[in-house]
């Protein structure tokens, strides 16, 4: 039982390090391009949503959550937002999130 706990903890640590490394190599230009292609239809080109259920990125609605939480949410989709697992990798999602956080 202890080895399973250690393995889970080690896996979590590797996951955290992977997200940390990705966060250091953000590409805002790629984030903007992907946002415009995949997200702007619902969240608006400027972060003001075009549909009522989408969060507003100009008010930073939901963007202040930890990156890991947001990456998982984008991968799985939620409510009217489709899942992007298999369409965007974690680094691309992090780029989009960072770009969305720059909106005012």
PDB file of N, CA and C in Angstrom:
ATOM      1  N   UNK A   1       0.809  -1.183   0.000  1.00  0.00           N
ATOM      2  CA  UNK A   1       0.000   0.000   0.000  1.00  0.00           C
ATOM      3  C   UNK A   1       0.858   1.255   0.000  1.00  0.00           C
ATOM      4  N   UNK A   2       1.950   1.227   0.765  1.00  0.00           N
ATOM      5  CA  UNK A   2       2.815   2.400   0.833  1.00  0.00           C
ATOM      6  C   UNK A   2       3.468   2.678  -0.518  1.00  0.00           C
ATOM      7  N   UNK A   3       3.822   1.619  -1.262  1.00  0.00           N
ATOM      8  CA  UNK A   3       4.481   1.837  -2.550  1.00  0.00           C
ATOM      9  C   UNK A   3       3.507   2.473  -3.546  1.00  0.00           C
ATOM     10  N   UNK A   4       2.217   2.143  -3.471  1.00  0.00           N
ATOM     11  CA  UNK A   4       1.230   2.778  -4.343  1.00  0.00           C
ATOM     12  C   UNK A   4       1.111   4.260  -4.020  1.00  0.00           C
ATOM     13  N   UNK A   5       1.137   4.601  -2.747  1.00  0.00           N
ATOM     14  CA  UNK A   5       1.067   6.008  -2.337  1.00  0.00           C
ATOM     15  C   UNK A   5       2.290   6.767  -2.819  1.00  0.00           C
ATOM     16  N   UNK A   6       3.445   6.138  -2.689  1.00  0.00           N
ATOM     17  CA  UNK A   6       4.682   6.782  -3.149  1.00  0.00           C
ATOM     18  C   UNK A   6       4.675   6.962  -4.658  1.00  0.00           C
ATOM     19  N   UNK A   7       4.188   5.951  -5.365  1.00  0.00           N
ATOM     20  CA  UNK A   7       4.112   6.033  -6.816  1.00  0.00           C
ATOM     21  C   UNK A   7       3.158   7.146  -7.234  1.00  0.00           C
ATOM     22  N   UNK A   8       2.017   7.232  -6.575  1.00  0.00           N
ATOM     23  CA  UNK A   8       1.046   8.291  -6.888  1.00  0.00           C
ATOM     24  C   UNK A   8       1.645   9.654  -6.608  1.00  0.00           C
ATOM     25  N   UNK A   9       2.342   9.791  -5.497  1.00  0.00           N
ATOM     26  CA  UNK A   9       2.969  11.063  -5.144  1.00  0.00           C
ATOM     27  C   UNK A   9       4.062  11.426  -6.144  1.00  0.00           C
ATOM     28  N   UNK A  10       4.867  10.451  -6.543  1.00  0.00           N
ATOM     29  CA  UNK A  10       5.918  10.696  -7.530  1.00  0.00           C
ATOM     30  C   UNK A  10       5.309  11.090  -8.873  1.00  0.00           C
ATOM     31  N   UNK A  11       4.234  10.420  -9.275  1.00  0.00           N
ATOM     32  CA  UNK A  11       3.563  10.755 -10.533  1.00  0.00           C
ATOM     33  C   UNK A  11       3.019  12.168 -10.491  1.00  0.00           C
ATOM     34  N   UNK A  12       2.434  12.546  -9.362  1.00  0.00           N
ATOM     35  CA  UNK A  12       1.906  13.900  -9.202  1.00  0.00           C
ATOM     36  C   UNK A  12       3.041  14.914  -9.305  1.00  0.00           C
ATOM     37  N   UNK A  13       4.171  14.615  -8.678  1.00  0.00           N
ATOM     38  CA  UNK A  13       5.322  15.518  -8.736  1.00  0.00           C
ATOM     39  C   UNK A  13       5.823  15.707 -10.153  1.00  0.00           C
ATOM     40  N   UNK A  14       5.867  14.630 -10.914  1.00  0.00           N
ATOM     41  CA  UNK A  14       6.300  14.709 -12.310  1.00  0.00           C
ATOM     42  C   UNK A  14       5.305  15.543 -13.110  1.00  0.00           C
ATOM     43  N   UNK A  15       4.022  15.347 -12.854  1.00  0.00           N
ATOM     44  CA  UNK A  15       2.981  16.121 -13.529  1.00  0.00           C
ATOM     45  C   UNK A  15       3.128  17.605 -13.230  1.00  0.00           C
ATOM     46  N   UNK A  16       3.357  17.940 -11.962  1.00  0.00           N
ATOM     47  CA  UNK A  16       3.524  19.333 -11.567  1.00  0.00           C
ATOM     48  C   UNK A  16       4.751  19.922 -12.243  1.00  0.00           C
ATOM     49  N   UNK A  17       5.856  19.185 -12.260  1.00  0.00           N
ATOM     50  CA  UNK A  17       7.066  19.667 -12.917  1.00  0.00           C
ATOM     51  C   UNK A  17       6.828  19.871 -14.406  1.00  0.00           C
ATOM     52  N   UNK A  18       6.079  18.982 -15.013  1.00  0.00           N
ATOM     53  CA  UNK A  18       5.763  19.124 -16.434  1.00  0.00           C
ATOM     54  C   UNK A  18       4.980  20.391 -16.709  1.00  0.00           C
ATOM     55  N   UNK A  19       4.008  20.700 -15.863  1.00  0.00           N
ATOM     56  CA  UNK A  19       3.235  21.921 -16.037  1.00  0.00           C
ATOM     57  C   UNK A  19       4.107  23.136 -15.758  1.00  0.00           C
ATOM     58  N   UNK A  20       4.975  23.052 -14.773  1.00  0.00           N
ATOM     59  CA  UNK A  20       5.853  24.178 -14.458  1.00  0.00           C
ATOM     60  C   UNK A  20       6.795  24.454 -15.613  1.00  0.00           C
ATOM     61  N   UNK A  21       7.346  23.404 -16.195  1.00  0.00           N
ATOM     62  CA  UNK A  21       8.258  23.597 -17.316  1.00  0.00           C
ATOM     63  C   UNK A  21       7.524  24.211 -18.496  1.00  0.00           C
ATOM     64  N   UNK A  22       6.293  23.755 -18.757  1.00  0.00           N
ATOM     65  CA  UNK A  22       5.503  24.316 -19.844  1.00  0.00           C
ATOM     66  C   UNK A  22       5.168  25.766 -19.603  1.00  0.00           C
ATOM     67  N   UNK A  23       4.925  26.122 -18.340  1.00  0.00           N
ATOM     68  CA  UNK A  23       4.559  27.490 -18.024  1.00  0.00           C
ATOM     69  C   UNK A  23       5.715  28.444 -18.276  1.00  0.00           C
ATOM     70  N   UNK A  24       6.939  27.967 -18.250  1.00  0.00           N
ATOM     71  CA  UNK A  24       8.093  28.818 -18.477  1.00  0.00           C
ATOM     72  C   UNK A  24       8.305  29.092 -19.960  1.00  0.00           C
ATOM     73  N   UNK A  25       7.766  28.265 -20.826  1.00  0.00           N
ATOM     74  CA  UNK A  25       8.002  28.393 -22.254  1.00  0.00           C
ATOM     75  C   UNK A  25       6.724  28.818 -22.976  1.00  0.00           C
ATOM     76  N   UNK A  26       6.020  29.787 -22.418  1.00  0.00           N
ATOM     77  CA  UNK A  26       4.759  30.208 -23.009  1.00  0.00           C
ATOM     78  C   UNK A  26       4.992  30.975 -24.306  1.00  0.00           C
ATOM     79  N   UNK A  27       4.083  30.784 -25.229  1.00  0.00           N
ATOM     80  CA  UNK A  27       4.136  31.436 -26.526  1.00  0.00           C
ATOM     81  C   UNK A  27       2.808  32.173 -26.716  1.00  0.00           C
ATOM     82  N   UNK A  28       2.801  33.476 -26.401  1.00  0.00           N
ATOM     83  CA  UNK A  28       1.562  34.252 -26.482  1.00  0.00           C
ATOM     84  C   UNK A  28       1.036  34.367 -27.906  1.00  0.00           C
ATOM     85  N   UNK A  29       1.917  34.428 -28.892  1.00  0.00           N
ATOM     86  CA  UNK A  29       1.468  34.509 -30.284  1.00  0.00           C
ATOM     87  C   UNK A  29       0.711  33.235 -30.668  1.00  0.00           C
ATOM     88  N   UNK A  30       1.253  32.089 -30.261  1.00  0.00           N
ATOM     89  CA  UNK A  30       0.556  30.824 -30.530  1.00  0.00           C
ATOM     90  C   UNK A  30      -0.742  30.780 -29.740  1.00  0.00           C
ATOM     91  N   UNK A  31      -0.714  31.263 -28.496  1.00  0.00           N
ATOM     92  CA  UNK A  31      -1.928  31.302 -27.690  1.00  0.00           C
ATOM     93  C   UNK A  31      -3.013  32.142 -28.332  1.00  0.00           C
ATOM     94  N   UNK A  32      -2.643  33.289 -28.878  1.00  0.00           N
ATOM     95  CA  UNK A  32      -3.621  34.151 -29.551  1.00  0.00           C
ATOM     96  C   UNK A  32      -4.178  33.471 -30.792  1.00  0.00           C
ATOM     97  N   UNK A  33      -3.293  32.874 -31.586  1.00  0.00           N
ATOM     98  CA  UNK A  33      -3.736  32.187 -32.809  1.00  0.00           C
ATOM     99  C   UNK A  33      -4.715  31.060 -32.476  1.00  0.00           C
ATOM    100  N   UNK A  34      -4.357  30.232 -31.493  1.00  0.00           N
ATOM    101  CA  UNK A  34      -5.232  29.120 -31.112  1.00  0.00           C
ATOM    102  C   UNK A  34      -6.532  29.626 -30.495  1.00  0.00           C
ATOM    103  N   UNK A  35      -6.435  30.669 -29.682  1.00  0.00           N
ATOM    104  CA  UNK A  35      -7.641  31.256 -29.081  1.00  0.00           C
ATOM    105  C   UNK A  35      -8.586  31.731 -30.189  1.00  0.00           C
ATOM    106  N   UNK A  36      -8.045  32.460 -31.165  1.00  0.00           N
ATOM    107  CA  UNK A  36      -8.879  32.974 -32.251  1.00  0.00           C
ATOM    108  C   UNK A  36      -9.512  31.834 -33.058  1.00  0.00           C
ATOM    109  N   UNK A  37      -8.784  30.734 -33.229  1.00  0.00           N
ATOM    110  CA  UNK A  37      -9.296  29.591 -33.984  1.00  0.00           C
ATOM    111  C   UNK A  37     -10.311  28.777 -33.197  1.00  0.00           C
ATOM    112  N   UNK A  38     -10.046  28.558 -31.913  1.00  0.00           N
ATOM    113  CA  UNK A  38     -10.817  27.576 -31.133  1.00  0.00           C
ATOM    114  C   UNK A  38     -11.793  28.178 -30.113  1.00  0.00           C
ATOM    115  N   UNK A  39     -11.526  29.383 -29.637  1.00  0.00           N
ATOM    116  CA  UNK A  39     -12.260  29.909 -28.477  1.00  0.00           C
ATOM    117  C   UNK A  39     -13.094  31.154 -28.754  1.00  0.00           C
ATOM    118  N   UNK A  40     -12.672  31.958 -29.727  1.00  0.00           N
ATOM    119  CA  UNK A  40     -13.283  33.268 -29.940  1.00  0.00           C
ATOM    120  C   UNK A  40     -14.754  33.195 -30.328  1.00  0.00           C
ATOM    121  N   UNK A  41     -15.171  32.108 -30.949  1.00  0.00           N
ATOM    122  CA  UNK A  41     -16.568  31.985 -31.350  1.00  0.00           C
ATOM    123  C   UNK A  41     -17.496  32.157 -30.149  1.00  0.00           C
ATOM    124  N   UNK A  42     -17.127  31.598 -29.008  1.00  0.00           N
ATOM    125  CA  UNK A  42     -17.964  31.680 -27.806  1.00  0.00           C
ATOM    126  C   UNK A  42     -17.476  32.747 -26.813  1.00  0.00           C
ATOM    127  N   UNK A  43     -16.160  32.875 -26.686  1.00  0.00           N
ATOM    128  CA  UNK A  43     -15.598  33.788 -25.681  1.00  0.00           C
ATOM    129  C   UNK A  43     -15.315  35.177 -26.247  1.00  0.00           C
ATOM    130  N   UNK A  44     -15.505  35.371 -27.551  1.00  0.00           N
ATOM    131  CA  UNK A  44     -15.286  36.660 -28.189  1.00  0.00           C
ATOM    132  C   UNK A  44     -13.823  36.917 -28.483  1.00  0.00           C
ATOM    133  N   UNK A  45     -13.561  37.635 -29.567  1.00  0.00           N
ATOM    134  CA  UNK A  45     -12.178  37.956 -29.939  1.00  0.00           C
ATOM    135  C   UNK A  45     -11.468  38.763 -28.868  1.00  0.00           C
ATOM    136  N   UNK A  46     -12.226  39.578 -28.145  1.00  0.00           N
ATOM    137  CA  UNK A  46     -11.627  40.433 -27.121  1.00  0.00           C
ATOM    138  C   UNK A  46     -11.880  39.933 -25.700  1.00  0.00           C
ATOM    139  N   UNK A  47     -12.420  38.712 -25.562  1.00  0.00           N
ATOM    140  CA  UNK A  47     -12.662  38.131 -24.245  1.00  0.00           C
ATOM    141  C   UNK A  47     -14.049  38.403 -23.680  1.00  0.00           C
ATOM    142  N   UNK A  48     -14.860  39.178 -24.397  1.00  0.00           N
ATOM    143  CA  UNK A  48     -16.247  39.415 -23.996  1.00  0.00           C
ATOM    144  C   UNK A  48     -17.080  38.329 -24.675  1.00  0.00           C
ATOM    145  N   UNK A  49     -17.738  37.475 -23.881  1.00  0.00           N
ATOM    146  CA  UNK A  49     -18.415  36.319 -24.459  1.00  0.00           C
ATOM    147  C   UNK A  49     -19.530  36.691 -25.432  1.00  0.00           C
ATOM    148  N   UNK A  50     -19.683  35.849 -26.437  1.00  0.00           N
ATOM    149  CA  UNK A  50     -20.752  36.030 -27.415  1.00  0.00           C
ATOM    150  C   UNK A  50     -21.963  35.165 -27.072  1.00  0.00           C
ATOM    151  N   UNK A  51     -21.784  34.217 -26.154  1.00  0.00           N
ATOM    152  CA  UNK A  51     -22.909  33.418 -25.663  1.00  0.00           C
ATOM    153  C   UNK A  51     -22.965  33.561 -24.146  1.00  0.00           C
ATOM    154  N   UNK A  52     -24.154  33.484 -23.623  1.00  0.00           N
ATOM    155  CA  UNK A  52     -24.377  33.775 -22.209  1.00  0.00           C
ATOM    156  C   UNK A  52     -23.643  32.835 -21.259  1.00  0.00           C
ATOM    157  N   UNK A  53     -23.488  31.581 -21.610  1.00  0.00           N
ATOM    158  CA  UNK A  53     -22.890  30.602 -20.702  1.00  0.00           C
ATOM    159  C   UNK A  53     -21.363  30.684 -20.624  1.00  0.00           C
ATOM    160  N   UNK A  54     -20.729  31.377 -21.546  1.00  0.00           N
ATOM    161  CA  UNK A  54     -19.261  31.440 -21.578  1.00  0.00           C
ATOM    162  C   UNK A  54     -18.755  32.477 -20.573  1.00  0.00           C
ATOM    163  N   UNK A  55     -17.684  32.155 -19.838  1.00  0.00           N
ATOM    164  CA  UNK A  55     -17.127  33.145 -18.910  1.00  0.00           C
ATOM    165  C   UNK A  55     -16.478  34.313 -19.659  1.00  0.00           C
ATOM    166  N   UNK A  56     -16.472  35.452 -19.015  1.00  0.00           N
ATOM    167  CA  UNK A  56     -15.836  36.650 -19.562  1.00  0.00           C
ATOM    168  C   UNK A  56     -14.366  36.646 -19.172  1.00  0.00           C
ATOM    169  N   UNK A  57     -13.494  36.725 -20.157  1.00  0.00           N
ATOM    170  CA  UNK A  57     -12.067  36.744 -19.868  1.00  0.00           C
ATOM    171  C   UNK A  57     -11.562  38.151 -19.565  1.00  0.00           C
ATOM    172  N   UNK A  58     -12.287  39.179 -19.974  1.00  0.00           N
ATOM    173  CA  UNK A  58     -11.855  40.539 -19.630  1.00  0.00           C
ATOM    174  C   UNK A  58     -12.030  40.808 -18.145  1.00  0.00           C
ATOM    175  N   UNK A  59     -12.966  40.100 -17.512  1.00  0.00           N
ATOM    176  CA  UNK A  59     -13.143  40.233 -16.060  1.00  0.00           C
ATOM    177  C   UNK A  59     -12.390  39.133 -15.307  1.00  0.00           C
ATOM    178  N   UNK A  60     -11.629  38.333 -16.052  1.00  0.00           N
ATOM    179  CA  UNK A  60     -10.813  37.234 -15.504  1.00  0.00           C
ATOM    180  C   UNK A  60     -11.671  36.142 -14.852  1.00  0.00           C
ATOM    181  N   UNK A  61     -12.932  36.067 -15.259  1.00  0.00           N
ATOM    182  CA  UNK A  61     -13.836  35.066 -14.711  1.00  0.00           C
ATOM    183  C   UNK A  61     -13.272  33.668 -14.926  1.00  0.00           C
ATOM    184  N   UNK A  62     -13.043  32.968 -13.849  1.00  0.00           N
ATOM    185  CA  UNK A  62     -12.526  31.589 -13.800  1.00  0.00           C
ATOM    186  C   UNK A  62     -11.056  31.453 -14.192  1.00  0.00           C
ATOM    187  N   UNK A  63     -10.380  32.492 -14.604  1.00  0.00           N
ATOM    188  CA  UNK A  63      -8.994  32.380 -15.055  1.00  0.00           C
ATOM    189  C   UNK A  63      -7.991  32.377 -13.923  1.00  0.00           C
ATOM    190  N   UNK A  64      -8.411  32.694 -12.711  1.00  0.00           N
ATOM    191  CA  UNK A  64      -7.470  32.768 -11.600  1.00  0.00           C
ATOM    192  C   UNK A  64      -7.301  31.419 -10.900  1.00  0.00           C
ATOM    193  N   UNK A  65      -7.904  30.388 -11.445  1.00  0.00           N
ATOM    194  CA  UNK A  65      -7.731  29.041 -10.908  1.00  0.00           C
ATOM    195  C   UNK A  65      -6.351  28.525 -11.307  1.00  0.00           C
ATOM    196  N   UNK A  66      -5.847  27.529 -10.583  1.00  0.00           N
ATOM    197  CA  UNK A  66      -4.530  26.961 -10.933  1.00  0.00           C
ATOM    198  C   UNK A  66      -4.516  26.415 -12.362  1.00  0.00           C
ATOM    199  N   UNK A  67      -3.369  26.526 -13.007  1.00  0.00           N
ATOM    200  CA  UNK A  67      -3.218  26.058 -14.384  1.00  0.00           C
ATOM    201  C   UNK A  67      -3.674  24.612 -14.557  1.00  0.00           C
ATOM    202  N   UNK A  68      -3.300  23.744 -13.627  1.00  0.00           N
ATOM    203  CA  UNK A  68      -3.655  22.324 -13.761  1.00  0.00           C
ATOM    204  C   UNK A  68      -5.160  22.127 -13.797  1.00  0.00           C
ATOM    205  N   UNK A  69      -5.888  22.880 -12.984  1.00  0.00           N
ATOM    206  CA  UNK A  69      -7.356  22.789 -12.958  1.00  0.00           C
ATOM    207  C   UNK A  69      -7.924  23.243 -14.298  1.00  0.00           C
ATOM    208  N   UNK A  70      -7.422  24.361 -14.799  1.00  0.00           N
ATOM    209  CA  UNK A  70      -7.927  24.895 -16.064  1.00  0.00           C
ATOM    210  C   UNK A  70      -7.568  24.005 -17.249  1.00  0.00           C
ATOM    211  N   UNK A  71      -6.370  23.454 -17.257  1.00  0.00           N
ATOM    212  CA  UNK A  71      -5.974  22.552 -18.343  1.00  0.00           C
ATOM    213  C   UNK A  71      -6.914  21.349 -18.373  1.00  0.00           C
ATOM    214  N   UNK A  72      -7.183  20.773 -17.226  1.00  0.00           N
ATOM    215  CA  UNK A  72      -8.093  19.624 -17.172  1.00  0.00           C
ATOM    216  C   UNK A  72      -9.493  20.012 -17.624  1.00  0.00           C
ATOM    217  N   UNK A  73      -9.942  21.192 -17.248  1.00  0.00           N
ATOM    218  CA  UNK A  73     -11.278  21.644 -17.652  1.00  0.00           C
ATOM    219  C   UNK A  73     -11.351  21.822 -19.164  1.00  0.00           C
ATOM    220  N   UNK A  74     -10.309  22.399 -19.753  1.00  0.00           N
ATOM    221  CA  UNK A  74     -10.282  22.585 -21.209  1.00  0.00           C
ATOM    222  C   UNK A  74     -10.219  21.223 -21.903  1.00  0.00           C
ATOM    223  N   UNK A  75      -9.434  20.308 -21.367  1.00  0.00           N
ATOM    224  CA  UNK A  75      -9.338  18.975 -21.963  1.00  0.00           C
ATOM    225  C   UNK A  75     -10.694  18.269 -21.966  1.00  0.00           C
ATOM    226  N   UNK A  76     -11.407  18.356 -20.867  1.00  0.00           N
ATOM    227  CA  UNK A  76     -12.674  17.633 -20.724  1.00  0.00           C
ATOM    228  C   UNK A  76     -13.879  18.383 -21.276  1.00  0.00           C
ATOM    229  N   UNK A  77     -13.776  19.713 -21.356  1.00  0.00           N
ATOM    230  CA  UNK A  77     -14.930  20.510 -21.743  1.00  0.00           C
ATOM    231  C   UNK A  77     -15.862  20.665 -20.557  1.00  0.00           C
ATOM    232  N   UNK A  78     -16.728  21.638 -20.628  1.00  0.00           N
ATOM    233  CA  UNK A  78     -17.682  21.857 -19.551  1.00  0.00           C
ATOM    234  C   UNK A  78     -18.837  22.672 -20.087  1.00  0.00           C
ATOM    235  N   UNK A  79     -20.036  22.272 -19.710  1.00  0.00           N
ATOM    236  CA  UNK A  79     -21.256  22.942 -20.168  1.00  0.00           C
ATOM    237  C   UNK A  79     -21.271  22.994 -21.696  1.00  0.00           C
ATOM    238  N   UNK A  80     -21.258  24.189 -22.274  1.00  0.00           N
ATOM    239  CA  UNK A  80     -21.316  24.301 -23.735  1.00  0.00           C
ATOM    240  C   UNK A  80     -19.946  24.237 -24.382  1.00  0.00           C
ATOM    241  N   UNK A  81     -18.883  24.280 -23.601  1.00  0.00           N
ATOM    242  CA  UNK A  81     -17.527  24.232 -24.147  1.00  0.00           C
ATOM    243  C   UNK A  81     -17.166  22.788 -24.496  1.00  0.00           C
ATOM    244  N   UNK A  82     -16.766  22.560 -25.744  1.00  0.00           N
ATOM    245  CA  UNK A  82     -16.411  21.196 -26.142  1.00  0.00           C
ATOM    246  C   UNK A  82     -15.083  20.759 -25.527  1.00  0.00           C
ATOM    247  N   UNK A  83     -14.859  19.453 -25.411  1.00  0.00           N
ATOM    248  CA  UNK A  83     -13.564  18.972 -24.929  1.00  0.00           C
ATOM    249  C   UNK A  83     -12.488  19.159 -26.002  1.00  0.00           C
ATOM    250  N   UNK A  84     -11.307  19.572 -25.574  1.00  0.00           N
ATOM    251  CA  UNK A  84     -10.197  19.772 -26.497  1.00  0.00           C
ATOM    252  C   UNK A  84      -9.096  18.737 -26.330  1.00  0.00           C
ATOM    253  N   UNK A  85      -9.352  17.689 -25.541  1.00  0.00           N
ATOM    254  CA  UNK A  85      -8.373  16.617 -25.393  1.00  0.00           C
ATOM    255  C   UNK A  85      -8.142  15.977 -26.756  1.00  0.00           C
ATOM    256  N   UNK A  86      -6.893  15.844 -27.124  1.00  0.00           N
ATOM    257  CA  UNK A  86      -6.562  15.279 -28.421  1.00  0.00           C
ATOM    258  C   UNK A  86      -6.501  16.324 -29.529  1.00  0.00           C
ATOM    259  N   UNK A  87      -7.068  17.512 -29.281  1.00  0.00           N
ATOM    260  CA  UNK A  87      -7.022  18.590 -30.270  1.00  0.00           C
ATOM    261  C   UNK A  87      -5.916  19.595 -29.930  1.00  0.00           C
ATOM    262  N   UNK A  88      -5.730  19.818 -28.628  1.00  0.00           N
ATOM    263  CA  UNK A  88      -4.688  20.721 -28.140  1.00  0.00           C
ATOM    264  C   UNK A  88      -3.878  19.990 -27.089  1.00  0.00           C
ATOM    265  N   UNK A  89      -2.558  20.137 -27.134  1.00  0.00           N
ATOM    266  CA  UNK A  89      -1.744  19.521 -26.086  1.00  0.00           C
ATOM    267  C   UNK A  89      -1.660  20.484 -24.896  1.00  0.00           C
ATOM    268  N   UNK A  90      -1.067  20.042 -23.810  1.00  0.00           N
ATOM    269  CA  UNK A  90      -1.017  20.850 -22.584  1.00  0.00           C
ATOM    270  C   UNK A  90      -0.307  22.187 -22.789  1.00  0.00           C
ATOM    271  N   UNK A  91       0.788  22.193 -23.537  1.00  0.00           N
ATOM    272  CA  UNK A  91       1.508  23.445 -23.784  1.00  0.00           C
ATOM    273  C   UNK A  91       0.645  24.422 -24.575  1.00  0.00           C
ATOM    274  N   UNK A  92      -0.085  23.927 -25.550  1.00  0.00           N
ATOM    275  CA  UNK A  92      -0.971  24.792 -26.329  1.00  0.00           C
ATOM    276  C   UNK A  92      -2.087  25.360 -25.453  1.00  0.00           C
ATOM    277  N   UNK A  93      -2.651  24.522 -24.596  1.00  0.00           N
ATOM    278  CA  UNK A  93      -3.698  24.995 -23.685  1.00  0.00           C
ATOM    279  C   UNK A  93      -3.145  26.059 -22.754  1.00  0.00           C
ATOM    280  N   UNK A  94      -1.946  25.839 -22.224  1.00  0.00           N
ATOM    281  CA  UNK A  94      -1.326  26.833 -21.352  1.00  0.00           C
ATOM    282  C   UNK A  94      -1.082  28.143 -22.094  1.00  0.00           C
ATOM    283  N   UNK A  95      -0.696  28.071 -23.359  1.00  0.00           N
ATOM    284  CA  UNK A  95      -0.508  29.285 -24.157  1.00  0.00           C
ATOM    285  C   UNK A  95      -1.828  30.038 -24.313  1.00  0.00           C
ATOM    286  N   UNK A  96      -2.895  29.311 -24.591  1.00  0.00           N
ATOM    287  CA  UNK A  96      -4.215  29.933 -24.733  1.00  0.00           C
ATOM    288  C   UNK A  96      -4.642  30.572 -23.409  1.00  0.00           C
ATOM    289  N   UNK A  97      -4.455  29.867 -22.306  1.00  0.00           N
ATOM    290  CA  UNK A  97      -4.827  30.408 -21.000  1.00  0.00           C
ATOM    291  C   UNK A  97      -4.042  31.673 -20.684  1.00  0.00           C
ATOM    292  N   UNK A  98      -2.743  31.646 -20.959  1.00  0.00           N
ATOM    293  CA  UNK A  98      -1.929  32.829 -20.701  1.00  0.00           C
ATOM    294  C   UNK A  98      -2.389  33.986 -21.580  1.00  0.00           C
ATOM    295  N   UNK A  99      -2.688  33.724 -22.827  1.00  0.00           N
ATOM    296  CA  UNK A  99      -3.194  34.779 -23.709  1.00  0.00           C
ATOM    297  C   UNK A  99      -4.514  35.332 -23.167  1.00  0.00           C
ATOM    298  N   UNK A 100      -5.429  34.452 -22.765  1.00  0.00           N
ATOM    299  CA  UNK A 100      -6.716  34.902 -22.229  1.00  0.00           C
ATOM    300  C   UNK A 100      -6.522  35.778 -20.991  1.00  0.00           C
ATOM    301  N   UNK A 101      -5.508  35.474 -20.202  1.00  0.00           N
ATOM    302  CA  UNK A 101      -5.239  36.266 -18.992  1.00  0.00           C
ATOM    303  C   UNK A 101      -4.731  37.672 -19.319  1.00  0.00           C
ATOM    304  N   UNK A 102      -4.277  37.902 -20.548  1.00  0.00           N
ATOM    305  CA  UNK A 102      -3.805  39.239 -20.933  1.00  0.00           C
ATOM    306  C   UNK A 102      -4.936  40.142 -21.394  1.00  0.00           C
ATOM    307  N   UNK A 103      -6.125  39.606 -21.578  1.00  0.00           N
ATOM    308  CA  UNK A 103      -7.241  40.399 -22.103  1.00  0.00           C
ATOM    309  C   UNK A 103      -7.722  41.403 -21.066  1.00  0.00           C
ATOM    310  N   UNK A 104      -8.119  42.576 -21.564  1.00  0.00           N
ATOM    311  CA  UNK A 104      -8.638  43.643 -20.690  1.00  0.00           C
ATOM    312  C   UNK A 104      -9.897  44.214 -21.272  1.00  0.00           C
TER     313      UNK A 104
END
